[in-house]
C-alpha atoms as a PDB file:
ATOM      1  CA  MET A   1     -82.987 -58.554  24.927  1.00  0.00           C
ATOM      2  CA  THR A   2     -85.143 -54.986  24.211  1.00  0.00           C
ATOM      3  CA  SER A   3     -85.788 -53.505  21.298  1.00  0.00           C
ATOM      4  CA  VAL A   4     -85.865 -49.606  20.671  1.00  0.00           C
ATOM      5  CA  VAL A   5     -88.432 -47.904  18.638  1.00  0.00           C
ATOM      6  CA  SER A   6     -87.898 -44.434  17.867  1.00  0.00           C
ATOM      7  CA  PHE A   7     -90.177 -41.559  16.503  1.00  0.00           C
ATOM      8  CA  GLU A   8     -89.210 -38.031  15.832  1.00  0.00           C
ATOM      9  CA  ASN A   9     -89.084 -36.825  19.556  1.00  0.00           C
ATOM     10  CA  ALA A  10     -89.108 -39.851  21.470  1.00  0.00           C
ATOM     11  CA  THR A  11     -87.320 -43.405  22.034  1.00  0.00           C
ATOM     12  CA  PHE A  12     -89.347 -46.148  23.343  1.00  0.00           C
ATOM     13  CA  ILE A  13     -87.607 -49.234  24.961  1.00  0.00           C
ATOM     14  CA  ARG A  14     -89.888 -52.436  24.498  1.00  0.00           C
ATOM     15  CA  PRO A  15     -88.716 -55.847  25.904  1.00  0.00           C
ATOM     16  CA  SER A  16     -88.454 -58.724  23.967  1.00  0.00           C
ATOM     17  CA  THR A  17     -90.368 -60.802  26.104  1.00  0.00           C
ATOM     18  CA  PHE A  18     -92.330 -60.433  29.816  1.00  0.00           C
ATOM     19  CA  TYR A  19     -91.788 -62.555  32.946  1.00  0.00           C
ATOM     20  CA  ILE A  20     -95.299 -63.598  34.239  1.00  0.00           C
ATOM     21  CA  ASN A  21     -94.392 -63.871  37.679  1.00  0.00           C
ATOM     22  CA  GLY A  22     -97.845 -66.065  39.164  1.00  0.00           C
ATOM     23  CA  LEU A  23     -97.679 -67.514  42.489  1.00  0.00           C
ATOM     24  CA  TYR A  24     -94.504 -67.048  44.491  1.00  0.00           C
ATOM     25  CA  ASN A  25     -93.170 -69.640  46.698  1.00  0.00           C
ATOM     26  CA  MET A  26     -96.409 -71.504  46.900  1.00  0.00           C
ATOM     27  CA  PRO A  27     -96.036 -75.292  47.840  1.00  0.00           C
ATOM     28  CA  HIS A  28     -97.938 -77.875  45.395  1.00  0.00           C
ATOM     29  CA  ALA A  29     -99.173 -74.871  43.266  1.00  0.00           C
ATOM     30  CA  ASN A  30     -99.251 -77.162  40.086  1.00  0.00           C
ATOM     31  CA  TYR A  31    -102.030 -78.897  41.827  1.00  0.00           C
ATOM     32  CA  TYR A  32    -103.639 -75.403  41.644  1.00  0.00           C
ATOM     33  CA  TYR A  33    -103.161 -75.065  37.367  1.00  0.00           C
ATOM     34  CA  MET A  34    -104.042 -78.539  37.168  1.00  0.00           C
ATOM     35  CA  PHE A  35    -107.529 -77.631  38.955  1.00  0.00           C
ATOM     36  CA  LEU A  36    -107.821 -74.392  36.447  1.00  0.00           C
ATOM     37  CA  CYS A  37    -107.372 -76.462  34.170  1.00  0.00           C
ATOM     38  CA  PHE A  38    -110.568 -78.984  35.088  1.00  0.00           C
ATOM     39  CA  VAL A  39    -112.411 -75.608  35.328  1.00  0.00           C
ATOM     40  CA  TYR A  40    -111.705 -74.861  31.613  1.00  0.00           C
ATOM     41  CA  ALA A  41    -112.839 -78.601  30.644  1.00  0.00           C
ATOM     42  CA  VAL A  42    -116.310 -78.030  32.473  1.00  0.00           C
ATOM     43  CA  THR A  43    -116.136 -74.291  31.222  1.00  0.00           C
ATOM     44  CA  VAL A  44    -116.013 -75.900  27.298  1.00  0.00           C
ATOM     45  CA  LEU A  45    -118.470 -78.261  27.778  1.00  0.00           C
ATOM     46  CA  GLY A  46    -121.074 -76.381  29.493  1.00  0.00           C
ATOM     47  CA  ASN A  47    -121.193 -73.173  27.363  1.00  0.00           C
ATOM     48  CA  SER A  48    -120.820 -74.979  24.436  1.00  0.00           C
ATOM     49  CA  PHE A  49    -123.692 -77.313  25.197  1.00  0.00           C
ATOM     50  CA  ILE A  50    -125.632 -74.126  26.179  1.00  0.00           C
ATOM     51  CA  MET A  51    -124.858 -72.464  22.988  1.00  0.00           C
ATOM     52  CA  GLY A  52    -125.630 -75.844  21.044  1.00  0.00           C
ATOM     53  CA  THR A  53    -128.867 -76.222  22.735  1.00  0.00           C
ATOM     54  CA  ILE A  54    -129.758 -72.570  21.824  1.00  0.00           C
ATOM     55  CA  TYR A  55    -128.912 -73.214  18.538  1.00  0.00           C
ATOM     56  CA  LEU A  56    -131.061 -76.248  17.853  1.00  0.00           C
ATOM     57  CA  ALA A  57    -133.765 -75.376  19.977  1.00  0.00           C
ATOM     58  CA  ARG A  58    -136.296 -73.444  17.884  1.00  0.00           C
ATOM     59  CA  THR A  59    -138.111 -71.994  21.144  1.00  0.00           C
ATOM     60  CA  LEU A  60    -135.057 -70.417  22.300  1.00  0.00           C
ATOM     61  CA  HIS A  61    -134.673 -68.352  19.238  1.00  0.00           C
ATOM     62  CA  THR A  62    -136.235 -65.192  20.982  1.00  0.00           C
ATOM     63  CA  ALA A  63    -134.227 -62.124  22.403  1.00  0.00           C
ATOM     64  CA  LYS A  64    -133.353 -63.263  25.383  1.00  0.00           C
ATOM     65  CA  TYR A  65    -131.386 -66.078  24.098  1.00  0.00           C
ATOM     66  CA  ILE A  66    -129.708 -64.626  21.551  1.00  0.00           C
ATOM     67  CA  ALA A  67    -128.264 -62.707  24.966  1.00  0.00           C
ATOM     68  CA  VAL A  68    -127.842 -65.874  26.329  1.00  0.00           C
ATOM     69  CA  PHE A  69    -125.813 -67.061  23.391  1.00  0.00           C
ATOM     70  CA  ASN A  70    -123.471 -64.047  23.437  1.00  0.00           C
ATOM     71  CA  LEU A  71    -122.906 -64.274  27.223  1.00  0.00           C
ATOM     72  CA  ALA A  72    -121.782 -68.378  26.928  1.00  0.00           C
ATOM     73  CA  LEU A  73    -119.863 -67.287  23.720  1.00  0.00           C
ATOM     74  CA  SER A  74    -117.921 -64.331  26.091  1.00  0.00           C
ATOM     75  CA  ASP A  75    -117.419 -67.192  28.437  1.00  0.00           C
ATOM     76  CA  LEU A  76    -115.754 -69.539  26.736  1.00  0.00           C
ATOM     77  CA  CYS A  77    -113.907 -67.419  24.643  1.00  0.00           C
ATOM     78  CA  GLY A  78    -112.809 -65.031  27.935  1.00  0.00           C
ATOM     79  CA  SER A  79    -111.742 -68.760  29.613  1.00  0.00           C
ATOM     80  CA  SER A  80    -110.347 -69.910  26.218  1.00  0.00           C
ATOM     81  CA  ALA A  81    -107.787 -66.232  26.122  1.00  0.00           C
ATOM     82  CA  LEU A  82    -106.859 -66.964  30.146  1.00  0.00           C
ATOM     83  CA  ILE A  83    -106.470 -70.558  31.176  1.00  0.00           C
ATOM     84  CA  PRO A  84    -104.999 -73.006  28.625  1.00  0.00           C
ATOM     85  CA  LYS A  85    -102.009 -70.380  27.675  1.00  0.00           C
ATOM     86  CA  TYR A  86    -100.803 -69.568  31.258  1.00  0.00           C
ATOM     87  CA  ALA A  87    -101.945 -72.926  32.945  1.00  0.00           C
ATOM     88  CA  GLU A  88     -99.404 -74.385  30.251  1.00  0.00           C
ATOM     89  CA  MET A  89     -96.713 -71.612  31.125  1.00  0.00           C
ATOM     90  CA  PHE A  90     -96.749 -72.422  35.007  1.00  0.00           C
ATOM     91  CA  LEU A  91     -97.086 -75.886  34.592  1.00  0.00           C
ATOM     92  CA  HIS A  92     -94.009 -75.863  32.144  1.00  0.00           C
ATOM     93  CA  GLU A  93     -91.986 -73.547  34.316  1.00  0.00           C
ATOM     94  CA  ASN A  94     -91.577 -71.437  31.010  1.00  0.00           C
ATOM     95  CA  GLN A  95     -93.058 -68.565  32.222  1.00  0.00           C
ATOM     96  CA  TYR A  96     -91.448 -65.889  29.388  1.00  0.00           C
ATOM     97  CA  ILE A  97     -93.869 -64.629  27.029  1.00  0.00           C
ATOM     98  CA  SER A  98     -93.568 -62.421  24.065  1.00  0.00           C
ATOM     99  CA  TYR A  99     -94.078 -58.703  23.870  1.00  0.00           C
ATOM    100  CA  GLU A 100     -96.741 -58.996  20.992  1.00  0.00           C
ATOM    101  CA  ASN A 101     -98.615 -62.131  21.915  1.00  0.00           C
ATOM    102  CA  CYS A 102     -98.600 -60.257  25.751  1.00  0.00           C
ATOM    103  CA  LEU A 103    -100.249 -57.609  24.273  1.00  0.00           C
ATOM    104  CA  THR A 104    -102.685 -59.563  22.030  1.00  0.00           C
ATOM    105  CA  SER A 105    -103.429 -61.847  25.241  1.00  0.00           C
ATOM    106  CA  MET A 106    -104.378 -58.694  27.050  1.00  0.00           C
ATOM    107  CA  PHE A 107    -106.714 -57.802  24.708  1.00  0.00           C
ATOM    108  CA  PHE A 108    -108.474 -60.595  24.289  1.00  0.00           C
ATOM    109  CA  VAL A 109    -108.698 -61.179  28.120  1.00  0.00           C
ATOM    110  CA  PHE A 110    -110.105 -57.446  28.923  1.00  0.00           C
ATOM    111  CA  LEU A 111    -112.671 -57.791  25.370  1.00  0.00           C
ATOM    112  CA  PHE A 112    -114.412 -60.708  27.087  1.00  0.00           C
ATOM    113  CA  MET A 113    -114.231 -59.724  30.216  1.00  0.00           C
ATOM    114  CA  THR A 114    -115.926 -56.874  28.688  1.00  0.00           C
ATOM    115  CA  LEU A 115    -118.518 -58.154  27.096  1.00  0.00           C
ATOM    116  CA  GLN A 116    -119.759 -60.228  30.068  1.00  0.00           C
ATOM    117  CA  SER A 117    -120.942 -57.117  31.941  1.00  0.00           C
ATOM    118  CA  PHE A 118    -122.266 -56.003  29.029  1.00  0.00           C
ATOM    119  CA  THR A 119    -124.614 -59.143  28.232  1.00  0.00           C
ATOM    120  CA  LEU A 120    -125.585 -59.092  32.022  1.00  0.00           C
ATOM    121  CA  LEU A 121    -126.705 -55.525  31.567  1.00  0.00           C
ATOM    122  CA  ALA A 122    -128.610 -56.342  28.090  1.00  0.00           C
ATOM    123  CA  LEU A 123    -130.401 -59.472  29.974  1.00  0.00           C
ATOM    124  CA  SER A 124    -131.291 -57.187  32.384  1.00  0.00           C
ATOM    125  CA  PHE A 125    -132.942 -54.920  29.999  1.00  0.00           C
ATOM    126  CA  ASP A 126    -134.871 -57.672  28.811  1.00  0.00           C
ATOM    127  CA  ARG A 127    -135.813 -59.027  32.286  1.00  0.00           C
ATOM    128  CA  VAL A 128    -137.266 -55.098  33.286  1.00  0.00           C
ATOM    129  CA  ILE A 129    -139.089 -54.997  30.156  1.00  0.00           C
ATOM    130  CA  ALA A 130    -141.123 -58.102  30.823  1.00  0.00           C
ATOM    131  CA  ILE A 131    -141.915 -57.463  34.302  1.00  0.00           C
ATOM    132  CA  CYS A 132    -142.675 -53.700  33.976  1.00  0.00           C
ATOM    133  CA  PHE A 133    -144.160 -53.468  30.911  1.00  0.00           C
ATOM    134  CA  PRO A 134    -145.332 -57.247  29.842  1.00  0.00           C
ATOM    135  CA  LEU A 135    -147.716 -56.251  27.437  1.00  0.00           C
ATOM    136  CA  ARG A 136    -145.183 -54.059  25.626  1.00  0.00           C
ATOM    137  CA  TYR A 137    -142.445 -56.546  25.934  1.00  0.00           C
ATOM    138  CA  HIS A 138    -142.741 -58.803  22.636  1.00  0.00           C
ATOM    139  CA  THR A 139    -142.993 -55.212  20.519  1.00  0.00           C
ATOM    140  CA  ILE A 140    -139.585 -53.774  22.393  1.00  0.00           C
ATOM    141  CA  VAL A 141    -137.866 -56.673  22.836  1.00  0.00           C
ATOM    142  CA  THR A 142    -137.656 -58.235  19.709  1.00  0.00           C
ATOM    143  CA  LYS A 143    -134.566 -60.088  18.198  1.00  0.00           C
ATOM    144  CA  ALA A 144    -133.359 -57.177  15.975  1.00  0.00           C
ATOM    145  CA  THR A 145    -133.044 -54.964  18.867  1.00  0.00           C
ATOM    146  CA  MET A 146    -131.449 -57.128  21.185  1.00  0.00           C
ATOM    147  CA  THR A 147    -129.138 -58.296  18.597  1.00  0.00           C
ATOM    148  CA  LEU A 148    -128.462 -54.487  17.785  1.00  0.00           C
ATOM    149  CA  ILE A 149    -128.073 -53.765  21.091  1.00  0.00           C
ATOM    150  CA  LEU A 150    -125.248 -56.452  21.837  1.00  0.00           C
ATOM    151  CA  GLY A 151    -123.600 -55.168  18.201  1.00  0.00           C
ATOM    152  CA  VAL A 152    -123.226 -51.858  19.715  1.00  0.00           C
ATOM    153  CA  MET A 153    -121.834 -53.483  23.255  1.00  0.00           C
ATOM    154  CA  TRP A 154    -119.149 -55.130  20.962  1.00  0.00           C
ATOM    155  CA  VAL A 155    -118.027 -52.041  18.891  1.00  0.00           C
ATOM    156  CA  ILE A 156    -118.029 -50.351  22.568  1.00  0.00           C
ATOM    157  CA  SER A 157    -116.012 -53.074  24.044  1.00  0.00           C
ATOM    158  CA  VAL A 158    -113.526 -53.286  21.230  1.00  0.00           C
ATOM    159  CA  SER A 159    -112.927 -49.571  20.905  1.00  0.00           C
ATOM    160  CA  ILE A 160    -112.519 -50.037  24.966  1.00  0.00           C
ATOM    161  CA  VAL A 161    -109.842 -52.505  24.866  1.00  0.00           C
ATOM    162  CA  THR A 162    -107.754 -51.573  21.505  1.00  0.00           C
ATOM    163  CA  VAL A 163    -107.434 -48.017  23.290  1.00  0.00           C
ATOM    164  CA  LEU A 164    -106.606 -49.491  26.575  1.00  0.00           C
ATOM    165  CA  VAL A 165    -103.914 -51.878  25.050  1.00  0.00           C
ATOM    166  CA  ALA A 166    -102.586 -49.053  22.602  1.00  0.00           C
ATOM    167  CA  LEU A 167    -101.597 -46.901  25.601  1.00  0.00           C
ATOM    168  CA  VAL A 168     -99.074 -49.647  26.409  1.00  0.00           C
ATOM    169  CA  THR A 169     -97.522 -49.047  23.089  1.00  0.00           C
ATOM    170  CA  ARG A 170     -96.322 -45.726  24.198  1.00  0.00           C
ATOM    171  CA  LEU A 171     -94.501 -47.517  27.425  1.00  0.00           C
ATOM    172  CA  SER A 172     -91.113 -47.834  27.867  1.00  0.00           C
ATOM    173  CA  PHE A 173     -89.545 -50.642  29.790  1.00  0.00           C
ATOM    174  CA  CYS A 174     -86.034 -49.581  30.872  1.00  0.00           C
ATOM    175  CA  ARG A 175     -86.187 -51.715  34.353  1.00  0.00           C
ATOM    176  CA  SER A 176     -88.321 -54.685  35.204  1.00  0.00           C
ATOM    177  CA  THR A 177     -90.416 -56.868  33.113  1.00  0.00           C
ATOM    178  CA  ILE A 178     -91.388 -59.187  35.797  1.00  0.00           C
ATOM    179  CA  VAL A 179     -94.874 -58.829  35.980  1.00  0.00           C
ATOM    180  CA  GLY A 180     -96.955 -59.430  38.931  1.00  0.00           C
ATOM    181  CA  SER A 181    -100.010 -60.931  37.888  1.00  0.00           C
ATOM    182  CA  TYR A 182    -101.083 -64.581  36.643  1.00  0.00           C
ATOM    183  CA  PHE A 183    -101.220 -63.255  32.974  1.00  0.00           C
ATOM    184  CA  CYS A 184    -100.643 -60.024  31.105  1.00  0.00           C
ATOM    185  CA  ASP A 185    -102.827 -58.031  33.515  1.00  0.00           C
ATOM    186  CA  ASN A 186    -102.960 -54.290  32.113  1.00  0.00           C
ATOM    187  CA  GLY A 187    -102.231 -52.133  35.892  1.00  0.00           C
ATOM    188  CA  PRO A 188     -99.204 -54.438  36.791  1.00  0.00           C
ATOM    189  CA  ILE A 189     -97.589 -53.783  33.076  1.00  0.00           C
ATOM    190  CA  PHE A 190     -98.398 -50.091  33.171  1.00  0.00           C
ATOM    191  CA  ARG A 191     -96.757 -49.846  36.586  1.00  0.00           C
ATOM    192  CA  LEU A 192     -93.471 -51.148  35.148  1.00  0.00           C
ATOM    193  CA  ALA A 193     -93.235 -48.468  32.694  1.00  0.00           C
ATOM    194  CA  CYS A 194     -90.381 -45.976  33.691  1.00  0.00           C
ATOM    195  CA  ASN A 195     -91.973 -42.775  31.393  1.00  0.00           C
ATOM    196  CA  ASP A 196     -94.823 -41.187  31.790  1.00  0.00           C
ATOM    197  CA  ASN A 197     -97.837 -43.878  32.445  1.00  0.00           C
ATOM    198  CA  SER A 198    -100.508 -41.762  33.754  1.00  0.00           C
ATOM    199  CA  PRO A 199    -102.599 -41.479  30.673  1.00  0.00           C
ATOM    200  CA  ASN A 200    -102.612 -45.489  31.299  1.00  0.00           C
ATOM    201  CA  PHE A 201    -103.710 -44.593  34.930  1.00  0.00           C
ATOM    202  CA  MET A 202    -106.828 -42.466  33.704  1.00  0.00           C
ATOM    203  CA  MET A 203    -107.995 -45.486  30.830  1.00  0.00           C
ATOM    204  CA  ALA A 204    -107.797 -47.786  34.012  1.00  0.00           C
ATOM    205  CA  TYR A 205    -110.156 -45.728  36.167  1.00  0.00           C
ATOM    206  CA  PHE A 206    -112.175 -44.920  32.889  1.00  0.00           C
ATOM    207  CA  TYR A 207    -112.097 -48.809  32.014  1.00  0.00           C
ATOM    208  CA  VAL A 208    -113.206 -50.228  35.673  1.00  0.00           C
ATOM    209  CA  SER A 209    -116.311 -47.147  35.238  1.00  0.00           C
ATOM    210  CA  VAL A 210    -117.484 -47.924  32.394  1.00  0.00           C
ATOM    211  CA  VAL A 211    -117.201 -51.544  32.160  1.00  0.00           C
ATOM    212  CA  LEU A 212    -117.971 -52.360  35.796  1.00  0.00           C
ATOM    213  CA  CYS A 213    -119.331 -49.417  38.237  1.00  0.00           C
ATOM    214  CA  ILE A 214    -122.282 -48.267  34.740  1.00  0.00           C
ATOM    215  CA  PRO A 215    -123.532 -51.719  34.060  1.00  0.00           C
ATOM    216  CA  LEU A 216    -123.872 -52.767  37.807  1.00  0.00           C
ATOM    217  CA  THR A 217    -125.422 -49.609  38.929  1.00  0.00           C
ATOM    218  CA  LEU A 218    -127.708 -49.653  35.779  1.00  0.00           C
ATOM    219  CA  ILE A 219    -128.666 -53.081  36.634  1.00  0.00           C
ATOM    220  CA  ALA A 220    -129.191 -52.118  40.109  1.00  0.00           C
ATOM    221  CA  LEU A 221    -131.320 -49.740  39.329  1.00  0.00           C
ATOM    222  CA  SER A 222    -133.230 -51.934  36.855  1.00  0.00           C
ATOM    223  CA  TYR A 223    -134.288 -54.515  40.187  1.00  0.00           C
ATOM    224  CA  ALA A 224    -135.621 -51.559  41.913  1.00  0.00           C
ATOM    225  CA  CYS A 225    -138.173 -51.084  38.959  1.00  0.00           C
ATOM    226  CA  ILE A 226    -138.817 -54.793  38.958  1.00  0.00           C
ATOM    227  CA  GLY A 227    -139.095 -54.652  42.841  1.00  0.00           C
ATOM    228  CA  VAL A 228    -141.582 -52.003  42.516  1.00  0.00           C
ATOM    229  CA  ALA A 229    -143.789 -53.418  39.842  1.00  0.00           C
ATOM    230  CA  LEU A 230    -143.665 -56.848  42.001  1.00  0.00           C
ATOM    231  CA  LEU A 231    -145.248 -55.009  45.014  1.00  0.00           C
ATOM    232  CA  LYS A 232    -147.920 -53.763  42.459  1.00  0.00           C
ATOM    233  CA  ILE A 233    -149.174 -57.632  41.601  1.00  0.00           C
ATOM    234  CA  SER A 234    -151.556 -58.262  44.133  1.00  0.00           C
ATOM    235  CA  HIS A 235    -151.649 -62.230  43.727  1.00  0.00           C
ATOM    236  CA  GLY A 236    -148.877 -64.044  45.251  1.00  0.00           C
ATOM    237  CA  PRO A 237    -148.519 -66.909  42.586  1.00  0.00           C
ATOM    238  CA  GLU A 238    -148.312 -64.277  39.859  1.00  0.00           C
ATOM    239  CA  ARG A 239    -145.632 -62.605  42.188  1.00  0.00           C
ATOM    240  CA  ILE A 240    -143.387 -65.577  42.899  1.00  0.00           C
ATOM    241  CA  LYS A 241    -143.368 -66.558  39.385  1.00  0.00           C
ATOM    242  CA  ALA A 242    -142.120 -63.324  38.041  1.00  0.00           C
ATOM    243  CA  MET A 243    -139.517 -63.276  40.765  1.00  0.00           C
ATOM    244  CA  LYS A 244    -138.552 -66.623  39.427  1.00  0.00           C
ATOM    245  CA  THR A 245    -137.963 -65.953  36.049  1.00  0.00           C
ATOM    246  CA  CYS A 246    -135.127 -63.293  37.361  1.00  0.00           C
ATOM    247  CA  THR A 247    -133.271 -65.583  39.735  1.00  0.00           C
ATOM    248  CA  SER A 248    -131.111 -67.037  37.080  1.00  0.00           C
ATOM    249  CA  HIS A 249    -129.991 -63.456  36.203  1.00  0.00           C
ATOM    250  CA  LEU A 250    -129.478 -62.441  40.038  1.00  0.00           C
ATOM    251  CA  LEU A 251    -127.042 -65.195  40.367  1.00  0.00           C
ATOM    252  CA  LEU A 252    -125.158 -64.622  37.396  1.00  0.00           C
ATOM    253  CA  VAL A 253    -124.877 -60.967  38.334  1.00  0.00           C
ATOM    254  CA  ALA A 254    -123.837 -61.739  42.126  1.00  0.00           C
ATOM    255  CA  MET A 255    -121.332 -64.451  40.608  1.00  0.00           C
ATOM    256  CA  PHE A 256    -119.602 -61.843  38.150  1.00  0.00           C
ATOM    257  CA  TYR A 257    -119.512 -58.476  40.117  1.00  0.00           C
ATOM    258  CA  LEU A 258    -119.139 -59.399  43.873  1.00  0.00           C
ATOM    259  CA  PRO A 259    -115.932 -61.194  43.608  1.00  0.00           C
ATOM    260  CA  ILE A 260    -114.277 -58.679  41.362  1.00  0.00           C
ATOM    261  CA  PHE A 261    -115.289 -55.353  43.851  1.00  0.00           C
ATOM    262  CA  SER A 262    -114.173 -57.428  46.713  1.00  0.00           C
ATOM    263  CA  VAL A 263    -110.971 -58.097  45.650  1.00  0.00           C
ATOM    264  CA  TYR A 264    -110.560 -54.481  44.056  1.00  0.00           C
ATOM    265  CA  ILE A 265    -111.998 -53.079  47.744  1.00  0.00           C
ATOM    266  CA  THR A 266    -109.930 -55.729  49.818  1.00  0.00           C
ATOM    267  CA  ALA A 267    -107.028 -54.130  47.950  1.00  0.00           C
ATOM    268  CA  LEU A 268    -107.634 -50.820  48.687  1.00  0.00           C
ATOM    269  CA  THR A 269    -108.248 -50.854  51.879  1.00  0.00           C
ATOM    270  CA  THR A 270    -105.943 -53.520  53.127  1.00  0.00           C
ATOM    271  CA  TYR A 271    -102.587 -55.453  52.377  1.00  0.00           C
ATOM    272  CA  LEU A 272    -102.968 -58.570  50.410  1.00  0.00           C
ATOM    273  CA  HIS A 273    -100.635 -61.347  50.095  1.00  0.00           C
ATOM    274  CA  PRO A 274     -99.508 -61.400  46.155  1.00  0.00           C
ATOM    275  CA  ASN A 275    -100.420 -65.205  45.908  1.00  0.00           C
ATOM    276  CA  THR A 276    -103.825 -64.422  47.778  1.00  0.00           C
ATOM    277  CA  ARG A 277    -104.697 -61.791  45.219  1.00  0.00           C
ATOM    278  CA  ILE A 278    -103.812 -63.811  42.116  1.00  0.00           C
ATOM    279  CA  ILE A 279    -105.490 -66.541  43.660  1.00  0.00           C
ATOM    280  CA  ASN A 280    -108.959 -64.769  44.475  1.00  0.00           C
ATOM    281  CA  SER A 281    -108.365 -62.804  40.914  1.00  0.00           C
ATOM    282  CA  VAL A 282    -108.184 -66.009  38.809  1.00  0.00           C
ATOM    283  CA  LEU A 283    -111.346 -67.922  40.667  1.00  0.00           C
ATOM    284  CA  THR A 284    -113.013 -64.425  39.882  1.00  0.00           C
ATOM    285  CA  GLN A 285    -112.157 -64.608  36.012  1.00  0.00           C
ATOM    286  CA  THR A 286    -112.547 -68.651  36.012  1.00  0.00           C
ATOM    287  CA  ILE A 287    -115.485 -69.896  38.137  1.00  0.00           C
ATOM    288  CA  PRO A 288    -118.334 -67.704  36.670  1.00  0.00           C
ATOM    289  CA  PRO A 289    -117.553 -68.619  33.300  1.00  0.00           C
ATOM    290  CA  MET A 290    -118.071 -72.310  34.103  1.00  0.00           C
ATOM    291  CA  LEU A 291    -121.521 -72.110  36.651  1.00  0.00           C
ATOM    292  CA  ASN A 292    -122.672 -69.781  34.205  1.00  0.00           C
ATOM    293  CA  PRO A 293    -123.946 -72.643  31.848  1.00  0.00           C
ATOM    294  CA  ILE A 294    -124.949 -75.104  34.982  1.00  0.00           C
ATOM    295  CA  ILE A 295    -127.138 -72.341  36.289  1.00  0.00           C
ATOM    296  CA  TYR A 296    -128.898 -71.498  33.038  1.00  0.00           C
ATOM    297  CA  SER A 297    -129.620 -74.988  32.448  1.00  0.00           C
ATOM    298  CA  LEU A 298    -130.769 -76.029  36.243  1.00  0.00           C
ATOM    299  CA  LYS A 299    -132.529 -72.568  37.143  1.00  0.00           C
ATOM    300  CA  THR A 300    -134.896 -71.851  33.623  1.00  0.00           C
ATOM    301  CA  GLU A 301    -137.810 -74.065  32.599  1.00  0.00           C
ATOM    302  CA  GLU A 302    -137.183 -73.076  28.916  1.00  0.00           C
ATOM    303  CA  VAL A 303    -133.661 -74.437  28.661  1.00  0.00           C
ATOM    304  CA  LEU A 304    -134.850 -77.300  30.676  1.00  0.00           C
ATOM    305  CA  GLN A 305    -137.752 -78.435  28.678  1.00  0.00           C
ATOM    306  CA  SER A 306    -136.096 -77.402  25.534  1.00  0.00           C
ATOM    307  CA  ILE A 307    -133.128 -80.132  26.515  1.00  0.00           C
ATOM    308  CA  LYS A 308    -135.887 -82.857  27.293  1.00  0.00           C
ATOM    309  CA  VAL A 309    -137.493 -81.946  23.544  1.00  0.00           C
ATOM    310  CA  LEU A 310    -134.056 -82.234  21.921  1.00  0.00           C
ATOM    311  CA  TYR A 311    -133.150 -85.550  24.203  1.00  0.00           C
ATOM    312  CA  LYS A 312    -136.457 -87.058  22.866  1.00  0.00           C
ATOM    313  CA  ARG A 313    -135.625 -86.066  19.609  1.00  0.00           C
ATOM    314  CA  SER A 314    -132.386 -87.670  19.303  1.00  0.00           C
ATOM    315  CA  LYS A 315    -133.643 -91.135  20.856  1.00  0.00           C
ATOM    316  CA  VAL A 316    -136.392 -91.003  18.390  1.00  0.00           C
ATOM    317  CA  ASN A 317    -133.646 -90.443  15.568  1.00  0.00           C
ATOM    318  CA  PHE A 318    -131.556 -93.122  16.741  1.00  0.00           C
ATOM    319  CA  ALA A 319    -134.567 -95.513  16.826  1.00  0.00           C
ATOM    320  CA  MET A 320    -134.972 -94.752  13.597  1.00  0.00           C
ATOM    321  CA  GLU A 321    -131.460 -95.294  12.315  1.00  0.00           C
ATOM    322  CA  ASP A 322    -131.640 -98.677  13.888  1.00  0.00           C
ATOM    323  CA  SER A 323    -134.611 -99.597  11.933  1.00  0.00           C
ATOM    324  CA  VAL A 324    -133.012 -98.487   9.110  1.00  0.00           C
ATOM    325  CA  LYS A 325    -130.263-100.327   9.305  1.00  0.00           C
ATOM    326  CA  SER A 326    -131.967-103.398  10.394  1.00  0.00           C
ATOM    327  CA  ILE A 327    -134.124-103.320   7.420  1.00  0.00           C
ATOM    328  CA  ALA A 328    -131.144-103.125   5.448  1.00  0.00           C
ATOM    329  CA  ARG A 329    -129.545-105.972   6.640  1.00  0.00           C
ATOM    330  CA  ASN A 330    -132.497-107.907   5.996  1.00  0.00           C
END
């Protein structure tokens, strides 16, 4: 069943539903989707824990941790937009999704992926100022500055993704409505169109450039500056201490960008079986949000210290509550 939308000089054929193809003829695929549900549960717990720690610990009410909070929020919302709906669809073998829900899902998946990339760029700004201009760090990287940077990034992200999704609405789908992906992916959908989809191709290239290539280039440049600054530090222990403050961020950058670019490059240079491409892509989008809070918890001294303080505070509070209850009973 399709709907026909007429305008003055054009008629658009819109399907009532798309069929999300997902993994094709893969044995025991249900175990894979159950694994994704486990990944999602860990992602929710980990990112909620980091966000709660940042909110409760006053020592983490700094510019840097505003960005970390934004990253955890983007990770949590991005996984929530991707995993529950589609895991349910495949586990229940009901792979149809309405046209409107498909575009809504596309918007939120791409929005939070964009915000993850931009937030990693904001964190690299924090690191480059901290190491290259340590005496001016607290005057440059303030809470107001970081909030403004993240606010601008939200506006840019919403604007880009809105255009990306809006361009799909001008497409006519008069042939297949089977989407060769694991979610309502932009590329596999606009390639199904039977009218001119060249604006969608241009927007896809623009999206990859602005959201992936430019941030990664700027992050690489920031670390080149950090490398030069570290070489100027004469004392070895100080250099190692400065390098340690970057390890968490570097791990996050590597986990986010390397899998995405490896999937793109492999797809461009050689044939990838659709199942292989889908598995690689979905792990690329779901594993980093699960690991990010773990890395920040284990690799960042400030977070570990704040967790210990909050744990001790909660033990004291519980002890006080128990003593009050026992006095009240007596």
